[in-house]
Amino acid sequence: MSWKTAYRSFYYETAEPPEDIVLDPKRTALLMIDVQKTYLQDKETPEETARWQPFYARMNDTVIPNCAKLIETCRAKRIEVIHARIACHKEDGRDRSLSQKKPGFNYLLLPKTLEEAQIVDELAPVGDEITVEKTTDSALTGTNLRLILRNMEITDVIVAGIFTDQCVSSTVRSLADESFGVVVVDDCCAAATMELHEAELRIINMIYCHVAKRDEVEGFVQGSA
């Protein structure tokens, strides 16, 4: 199924197909969100680790390899690659937003120097690629990313990473509200379950972004064969 007809919610079931997307490398950035070592580690109990196995499999078999290929393509085409990660500045985490202090899965205490807080090796920044450290779900509201993008005259942002229904979605909505064009890469993202992943893509597609596969997104770039 083409990106033009996939992930249609009720609101867009009968909408006309969108126009072709053309991305100018000079005005486009790839934003990699929160693919950090902590999320690939075993959980507190064997039972909980087993419950997360489908997520681990998608990350290792699909998302990380596809993200690595997408990053390589963007670097080759001189598309700016920007990384975002959850990382607090204070060891006790008191600079975190409320969403990261609440009990449960979203409770995150990741001081910026902690090994678990680092981006996975396969997707690590190179050279002068920018990494923004956020204490919020949205990479835009919790950092100076908005200013960085405007200063570099970026108009379109390709988004990949985790979790589709949390930090990815929050960032996408923030970018759309700031009038950036947004493309979310389906097979470069993951939620805890495929059900959550696909449901969130249907929610945000067509209004906050366009959702497409990695090979389709690479074809959007000017100069692509």
C-alpha atoms as a PDB file:
ATOM      1  CA  MET A   1       0.000   0.000   0.000  1.00  0.00           C
ATOM      2  CA  SER A   2       1.294   3.453  -0.938  1.00  0.00           C
ATOM      3  CA  TRP A   3       1.936   6.127   1.672  1.00  0.00           C
ATOM      4  CA  LYS A   4      -0.809   8.128  -0.027  1.00  0.00           C
ATOM      5  CA  THR A   5      -3.497   5.676   1.087  1.00  0.00           C
ATOM      6  CA  ALA A   6      -2.021   4.002   4.197  1.00  0.00           C
ATOM      7  CA  TYR A   7      -2.879   4.838   7.817  1.00  0.00           C
ATOM      8  CA  ARG A   8      -6.124   6.699   7.104  1.00  0.00           C
ATOM      9  CA  SER A   9      -8.193   7.557  10.171  1.00  0.00           C
ATOM     10  CA  PHE A  10     -11.936   8.175  10.077  1.00  0.00           C
ATOM     11  CA  TYR A  11     -11.304  11.843   9.345  1.00  0.00           C
ATOM     12  CA  TYR A  12      -9.373  11.118   6.153  1.00  0.00           C
ATOM     13  CA  GLU A  13     -10.940   7.916   4.829  1.00  0.00           C
ATOM     14  CA  THR A  14     -12.532   9.778   1.922  1.00  0.00           C
ATOM     15  CA  ALA A  15      -9.903  12.512   1.442  1.00  0.00           C
ATOM     16  CA  GLU A  16      -8.136  13.013  -1.850  1.00  0.00           C
ATOM     17  CA  PRO A  17      -4.610  11.541  -2.024  1.00  0.00           C
ATOM     18  CA  PRO A  18      -1.962  14.063  -0.954  1.00  0.00           C
ATOM     19  CA  GLU A  19       0.346  15.659  -3.473  1.00  0.00           C
ATOM     20  CA  ASP A  20       3.797  14.253  -4.062  1.00  0.00           C
ATOM     21  CA  ILE A  21       6.323  15.186  -1.391  1.00  0.00           C
ATOM     22  CA  VAL A  22       9.548  16.807  -2.526  1.00  0.00           C
ATOM     23  CA  LEU A  23      12.249  17.417   0.072  1.00  0.00           C
ATOM     24  CA  ASP A  24      15.045  19.891  -0.560  1.00  0.00           C
ATOM     25  CA  PRO A  25      18.163  18.536   1.210  1.00  0.00           C
ATOM     26  CA  LYS A  26      19.267  22.058   2.128  1.00  0.00           C
ATOM     27  CA  ARG A  27      15.987  22.731   3.952  1.00  0.00           C
ATOM     28  CA  THR A  28      15.369  19.279   5.422  1.00  0.00           C
ATOM     29  CA  ALA A  29      16.547  17.689   8.675  1.00  0.00           C
ATOM     30  CA  LEU A  30      16.343  14.130   9.952  1.00  0.00           C
ATOM     31  CA  LEU A  31      15.398  14.033  13.641  1.00  0.00           C
ATOM     32  CA  MET A  32      16.253  10.813  15.480  1.00  0.00           C
ATOM     33  CA  ILE A  33      14.303  10.557  18.739  1.00  0.00           C
ATOM     34  CA  ASP A  34      15.320   8.677  21.900  1.00  0.00           C
ATOM     35  CA  VAL A  35      16.862   5.469  20.523  1.00  0.00           C
ATOM     36  CA  GLN A  36      18.796   5.076  23.762  1.00  0.00           C
ATOM     37  CA  LYS A  37      20.482   2.121  25.408  1.00  0.00           C
ATOM     38  CA  THR A  38      18.097   2.013  28.363  1.00  0.00           C
ATOM     39  CA  TYR A  39      15.231   0.901  26.133  1.00  0.00           C
ATOM     40  CA  LEU A  40      17.099  -2.160  24.846  1.00  0.00           C
ATOM     41  CA  GLN A  41      17.958  -3.502  28.298  1.00  0.00           C
ATOM     42  CA  ASP A  42      16.184  -6.310  30.118  1.00  0.00           C
ATOM     43  CA  LYS A  43      13.419  -5.328  32.516  1.00  0.00           C
ATOM     44  CA  GLU A  44      13.274  -5.831  36.289  1.00  0.00           C
ATOM     45  CA  THR A  45      11.883  -9.366  36.097  1.00  0.00           C
ATOM     46  CA  PRO A  46      12.110 -12.230  33.583  1.00  0.00           C
ATOM     47  CA  GLU A  47       8.343 -12.028  33.132  1.00  0.00           C
ATOM     48  CA  GLU A  48       8.477  -8.346  32.225  1.00  0.00           C
ATOM     49  CA  THR A  49      11.426  -8.906  29.901  1.00  0.00           C
ATOM     50  CA  ALA A  50       9.443 -11.637  28.142  1.00  0.00           C
ATOM     51  CA  ARG A  51       6.470  -9.285  27.766  1.00  0.00           C
ATOM     52  CA  TRP A  52       8.686  -6.790  25.935  1.00  0.00           C
ATOM     53  CA  GLN A  53      10.239  -9.309  23.537  1.00  0.00           C
ATOM     54  CA  PRO A  54       8.157  -8.215  20.493  1.00  0.00           C
ATOM     55  CA  PHE A  55       9.406  -4.636  21.000  1.00  0.00           C
ATOM     56  CA  TYR A  56      13.027  -5.774  21.304  1.00  0.00           C
ATOM     57  CA  ALA A  57      12.640  -7.842  18.146  1.00  0.00           C
ATOM     58  CA  ARG A  58      11.204  -4.935  16.162  1.00  0.00           C
ATOM     59  CA  MET A  59      13.957  -2.624  17.382  1.00  0.00           C
ATOM     60  CA  ASN A  60      16.816  -5.005  16.604  1.00  0.00           C
ATOM     61  CA  ASP A  61      15.450  -6.493  13.390  1.00  0.00           C
ATOM     62  CA  THR A  62      13.698  -3.509  11.811  1.00  0.00           C
ATOM     63  CA  VAL A  63      13.966  -0.107  13.455  1.00  0.00           C
ATOM     64  CA  ILE A  64      17.672   0.169  14.256  1.00  0.00           C
ATOM     65  CA  PRO A  65      18.849  -1.284  10.902  1.00  0.00           C
ATOM     66  CA  ASN A  66      16.421   0.933   8.979  1.00  0.00           C
ATOM     67  CA  CYS A  67      17.405   4.007  10.990  1.00  0.00           C
ATOM     68  CA  ALA A  68      21.063   3.298  10.284  1.00  0.00           C
ATOM     69  CA  LYS A  69      20.332   3.118   6.544  1.00  0.00           C
ATOM     70  CA  LEU A  70      18.228   6.293   6.682  1.00  0.00           C
ATOM     71  CA  ILE A  71      20.962   8.172   8.537  1.00  0.00           C
ATOM     72  CA  GLU A  72      23.528   6.994   5.983  1.00  0.00           C
ATOM     73  CA  THR A  73      21.328   8.193   3.119  1.00  0.00           C
ATOM     74  CA  CYS A  74      20.733  11.568   4.746  1.00  0.00           C
ATOM     75  CA  ARG A  75      24.411  12.100   5.431  1.00  0.00           C
ATOM     76  CA  ALA A  76      25.224  11.232   1.823  1.00  0.00           C
ATOM     77  CA  LYS A  77      22.621  13.723   0.572  1.00  0.00           C
ATOM     78  CA  ARG A  78      23.768  16.398   3.040  1.00  0.00           C
ATOM     79  CA  ILE A  79      20.496  16.378   4.934  1.00  0.00           C
ATOM     80  CA  GLU A  80      21.139  17.631   8.457  1.00  0.00           C
ATOM     81  CA  VAL A  81      20.997  14.770  10.984  1.00  0.00           C
ATOM     82  CA  ILE A  82      19.880  15.844  14.465  1.00  0.00           C
ATOM     83  CA  HIS A  83      19.602  13.589  17.495  1.00  0.00           C
ATOM     84  CA  ALA A  84      17.347  13.956  20.537  1.00  0.00           C
ATOM     85  CA  ARG A  85      17.636  12.027  23.766  1.00  0.00           C
ATOM     86  CA  ILE A  86      16.009  12.032  27.177  1.00  0.00           C
ATOM     87  CA  ALA A  87      18.650  13.287  29.602  1.00  0.00           C
ATOM     88  CA  CYS A  88      18.358  15.378  32.741  1.00  0.00           C
ATOM     89  CA  HIS A  89      21.091  17.741  33.886  1.00  0.00           C
ATOM     90  CA  LYS A  90      20.736  17.187  37.623  1.00  0.00           C
ATOM     91  CA  GLU A  91      21.707  13.836  39.117  1.00  0.00           C
ATOM     92  CA  ASP A  92      18.500  13.717  41.151  1.00  0.00           C
ATOM     93  CA  GLY A  93      16.395  14.615  38.125  1.00  0.00           C
ATOM     94  CA  ARG A  94      14.619  17.560  39.652  1.00  0.00           C
ATOM     95  CA  ASP A  95      14.906  19.424  36.320  1.00  0.00           C
ATOM     96  CA  ARG A  96      12.633  16.856  34.625  1.00  0.00           C
ATOM     97  CA  SER A  97       9.122  17.681  33.479  1.00  0.00           C
ATOM     98  CA  LEU A  98       6.183  16.261  35.403  1.00  0.00           C
ATOM     99  CA  SER A  99       5.563  13.579  32.771  1.00  0.00           C
ATOM    100  CA  GLN A 100       8.995  12.089  33.512  1.00  0.00           C
ATOM    101  CA  LYS A 101       8.514  12.199  37.297  1.00  0.00           C
ATOM    102  CA  LYS A 102       5.216  10.333  37.479  1.00  0.00           C
ATOM    103  CA  PRO A 103       5.310   6.723  38.739  1.00  0.00           C
ATOM    104  CA  GLY A 104       5.109   3.935  36.192  1.00  0.00           C
ATOM    105  CA  PHE A 105       6.639   3.360  32.765  1.00  0.00           C
ATOM    106  CA  ASN A 106       7.136   7.062  32.037  1.00  0.00           C
ATOM    107  CA  TYR A 107       9.218   7.585  35.184  1.00  0.00           C
ATOM    108  CA  LEU A 108      12.654   8.331  33.775  1.00  0.00           C
ATOM    109  CA  LEU A 109      15.748   9.240  35.742  1.00  0.00           C
ATOM    110  CA  LEU A 110      18.455   9.458  33.104  1.00  0.00           C
ATOM    111  CA  PRO A 111      21.261  11.844  34.062  1.00  0.00           C
ATOM    112  CA  LYS A 112      23.026  12.920  30.880  1.00  0.00           C
ATOM    113  CA  THR A 113      26.312  11.172  31.774  1.00  0.00           C
ATOM    114  CA  LEU A 114      24.686   7.810  32.516  1.00  0.00           C
ATOM    115  CA  GLU A 115      25.621   5.035  30.059  1.00  0.00           C
ATOM    116  CA  GLU A 116      21.989   3.949  29.737  1.00  0.00           C
ATOM    117  CA  ALA A 117      21.068   7.463  28.615  1.00  0.00           C
ATOM    118  CA  GLN A 118      23.367   7.366  25.593  1.00  0.00           C
ATOM    119  CA  ILE A 119      22.175   6.790  22.029  1.00  0.00           C
ATOM    120  CA  VAL A 120      22.707   3.231  20.803  1.00  0.00           C
ATOM    121  CA  ASP A 121      26.079   2.746  19.136  1.00  0.00           C
ATOM    122  CA  GLU A 122      24.631   1.924  15.707  1.00  0.00           C
ATOM    123  CA  LEU A 123      22.962   5.356  15.496  1.00  0.00           C
ATOM    124  CA  ALA A 124      25.445   7.503  17.407  1.00  0.00           C
ATOM    125  CA  PRO A 125      26.125  11.071  16.204  1.00  0.00           C
ATOM    126  CA  VAL A 126      29.215  11.720  14.116  1.00  0.00           C
ATOM    127  CA  GLY A 127      31.215  14.882  13.531  1.00  0.00           C
ATOM    128  CA  ASP A 128      29.345  18.043  14.434  1.00  0.00           C
ATOM    129  CA  GLU A 129      25.855  16.528  14.351  1.00  0.00           C
ATOM    130  CA  ILE A 130      23.685  18.202  16.964  1.00  0.00           C
ATOM    131  CA  THR A 131      22.250  16.308  19.934  1.00  0.00           C
ATOM    132  CA  VAL A 132      19.533  17.980  21.984  1.00  0.00           C
ATOM    133  CA  GLU A 133      18.895  16.769  25.528  1.00  0.00           C
ATOM    134  CA  LYS A 134      15.290  16.924  26.619  1.00  0.00           C
ATOM    135  CA  THR A 135      13.405  16.598  29.884  1.00  0.00           C
ATOM    136  CA  THR A 136      10.034  16.567  28.131  1.00  0.00           C
ATOM    137  CA  ASP A 137       8.352  14.235  25.648  1.00  0.00           C
ATOM    138  CA  SER A 138       8.474  16.761  22.798  1.00  0.00           C
ATOM    139  CA  ALA A 139      11.935  17.420  21.436  1.00  0.00           C
ATOM    140  CA  LEU A 140      10.754  20.865  20.390  1.00  0.00           C
ATOM    141  CA  THR A 141       9.216  22.274  23.557  1.00  0.00           C
ATOM    142  CA  GLY A 142      11.923  20.996  25.894  1.00  0.00           C
ATOM    143  CA  THR A 143      14.997  22.235  24.018  1.00  0.00           C
ATOM    144  CA  ASN A 144      16.280  24.994  21.741  1.00  0.00           C
ATOM    145  CA  LEU A 145      15.574  22.773  18.721  1.00  0.00           C
ATOM    146  CA  ARG A 146      13.022  25.216  17.344  1.00  0.00           C
ATOM    147  CA  LEU A 147      15.660  27.953  17.248  1.00  0.00           C
ATOM    148  CA  ILE A 148      18.242  25.593  15.745  1.00  0.00           C
ATOM    149  CA  LEU A 149      15.905  24.585  12.928  1.00  0.00           C
ATOM    150  CA  ARG A 150      14.934  28.181  12.167  1.00  0.00           C
ATOM    151  CA  ASN A 151      18.564  29.329  12.232  1.00  0.00           C
ATOM    152  CA  MET A 152      19.484  26.630   9.706  1.00  0.00           C
ATOM    153  CA  GLU A 153      16.463  27.566   7.561  1.00  0.00           C
ATOM    154  CA  ILE A 154      14.965  24.090   7.868  1.00  0.00           C
ATOM    155  CA  THR A 155      11.359  23.821   6.666  1.00  0.00           C
ATOM    156  CA  ASP A 156      10.808  20.043   6.632  1.00  0.00           C
ATOM    157  CA  VAL A 157      11.662  17.422   9.252  1.00  0.00           C
ATOM    158  CA  ILE A 158      11.892  13.671   8.795  1.00  0.00           C
ATOM    159  CA  VAL A 159      11.118  12.000  12.128  1.00  0.00           C
ATOM    160  CA  ALA A 160      12.203   8.545  13.328  1.00  0.00           C
ATOM    161  CA  GLY A 161      12.696   6.856  16.686  1.00  0.00           C
ATOM    162  CA  ILE A 162      10.702   5.845  19.747  1.00  0.00           C
ATOM    163  CA  PHE A 163       8.113   5.680  21.151  1.00  0.00           C
ATOM    164  CA  THR A 164       5.657   6.288  18.317  1.00  0.00           C
ATOM    165  CA  ASP A 165       2.764   7.026  20.650  1.00  0.00           C
ATOM    166  CA  GLN A 166       4.750   9.124  23.111  1.00  0.00           C
ATOM    167  CA  CYS A 167       7.843  11.213  22.317  1.00  0.00           C
ATOM    168  CA  VAL A 168       7.559  10.779  18.553  1.00  0.00           C
ATOM    169  CA  SER A 169       3.914  11.835  18.517  1.00  0.00           C
ATOM    170  CA  SER A 170       4.497  14.743  20.914  1.00  0.00           C
ATOM    171  CA  THR A 171       7.369  16.018  18.783  1.00  0.00           C
ATOM    172  CA  VAL A 172       5.434  15.638  15.544  1.00  0.00           C
ATOM    173  CA  ARG A 173       2.506  17.627  16.901  1.00  0.00           C
ATOM    174  CA  SER A 174       4.815  20.376  18.149  1.00  0.00           C
ATOM    175  CA  LEU A 175       6.577  20.585  14.789  1.00  0.00           C
ATOM    176  CA  ALA A 176       3.266  20.750  12.937  1.00  0.00           C
ATOM    177  CA  ASP A 177       2.015  23.508  15.226  1.00  0.00           C
ATOM    178  CA  GLU A 178       5.162  25.466  14.334  1.00  0.00           C
ATOM    179  CA  SER A 179       4.370  24.986  10.609  1.00  0.00           C
ATOM    180  CA  PHE A 180       7.181  22.601   9.773  1.00  0.00           C
ATOM    181  CA  GLY A 181       6.439  19.964   7.169  1.00  0.00           C
ATOM    182  CA  VAL A 182       6.774  16.575   8.870  1.00  0.00           C
ATOM    183  CA  VAL A 183       7.314  13.083   7.503  1.00  0.00           C
ATOM    184  CA  VAL A 184       7.254  10.151   9.938  1.00  0.00           C
ATOM    185  CA  VAL A 185       9.087   7.014   8.858  1.00  0.00           C
ATOM    186  CA  ASP A 186       6.893   4.029   9.679  1.00  0.00           C
ATOM    187  CA  ASP A 187       9.573   1.327   9.651  1.00  0.00           C
ATOM    188  CA  CYS A 188      12.025   3.540  11.561  1.00  0.00           C
ATOM    189  CA  CYS A 189       9.689   3.905  14.565  1.00  0.00           C
ATOM    190  CA  ALA A 190       8.312   1.654  17.280  1.00  0.00           C
ATOM    191  CA  ALA A 191       5.886   1.698  20.170  1.00  0.00           C
ATOM    192  CA  ALA A 192       5.689  -0.917  22.912  1.00  0.00           C
ATOM    193  CA  THR A 193       3.311  -2.925  20.691  1.00  0.00           C
ATOM    194  CA  MET A 194       2.469  -2.875  17.011  1.00  0.00           C
ATOM    195  CA  GLU A 195      -1.133  -2.125  17.966  1.00  0.00           C
ATOM    196  CA  LEU A 196      -0.070   1.114  19.675  1.00  0.00           C
ATOM    197  CA  HIS A 197       2.351   1.970  16.852  1.00  0.00           C
ATOM    198  CA  GLU A 198      -0.222   1.579  14.100  1.00  0.00           C
ATOM    199  CA  ALA A 199      -2.991   3.275  16.048  1.00  0.00           C
ATOM    200  CA  GLU A 200      -0.867   6.361  16.669  1.00  0.00           C
ATOM    201  CA  LEU A 201       0.214   6.561  13.038  1.00  0.00           C
ATOM    202  CA  ARG A 202      -3.437   6.599  11.996  1.00  0.00           C
ATOM    203  CA  ILE A 203      -4.106   9.406  14.476  1.00  0.00           C
ATOM    204  CA  ILE A 204      -1.283  11.716  13.378  1.00  0.00           C
ATOM    205  CA  ASN A 205      -1.195  10.923   9.654  1.00  0.00           C
ATOM    206  CA  MET A 206      -2.519  13.509   7.184  1.00  0.00           C
ATOM    207  CA  ILE A 207      -3.082  16.244   9.781  1.00  0.00           C
ATOM    208  CA  TYR A 208       0.206  16.502  11.701  1.00  0.00           C
ATOM    209  CA  CYS A 209       2.461  14.670   9.267  1.00  0.00           C
ATOM    210  CA  HIS A 210       2.626  12.220   6.407  1.00  0.00           C
ATOM    211  CA  VAL A 211       3.577   8.642   7.223  1.00  0.00           C
ATOM    212  CA  ALA A 212       5.718   6.678   4.774  1.00  0.00           C
ATOM    213  CA  LYS A 213       8.191   3.799   4.631  1.00  0.00           C
ATOM    214  CA  ARG A 214      11.937   4.401   4.575  1.00  0.00           C
ATOM    215  CA  ASP A 215      12.357   3.637   0.869  1.00  0.00           C
ATOM    216  CA  GLU A 216       9.474   5.977   0.025  1.00  0.00           C
ATOM    217  CA  VAL A 217      10.950   8.785   2.151  1.00  0.00           C
ATOM    218  CA  GLU A 218      14.330   8.431   0.506  1.00  0.00           C
ATOM    219  CA  GLY A 219      12.560   8.837  -2.825  1.00  0.00           C
ATOM    220  CA  PHE A 220      11.062  12.160  -1.679  1.00  0.00           C
ATOM    221  CA  VAL A 221      14.500  13.779  -1.593  1.00  0.00           C
ATOM    222  CA  GLN A 222      15.377  16.004  -4.539  1.00  0.00           C
ATOM    223  CA  GLY A 223      17.999  14.369  -6.706  1.00  0.00           C
ATOM    224  CA  SER A 224      16.887  10.824  -5.830  1.00  0.00           C
ATOM    225  CA  ALA A 225      16.669   8.386  -8.694  1.00  0.00           C
END
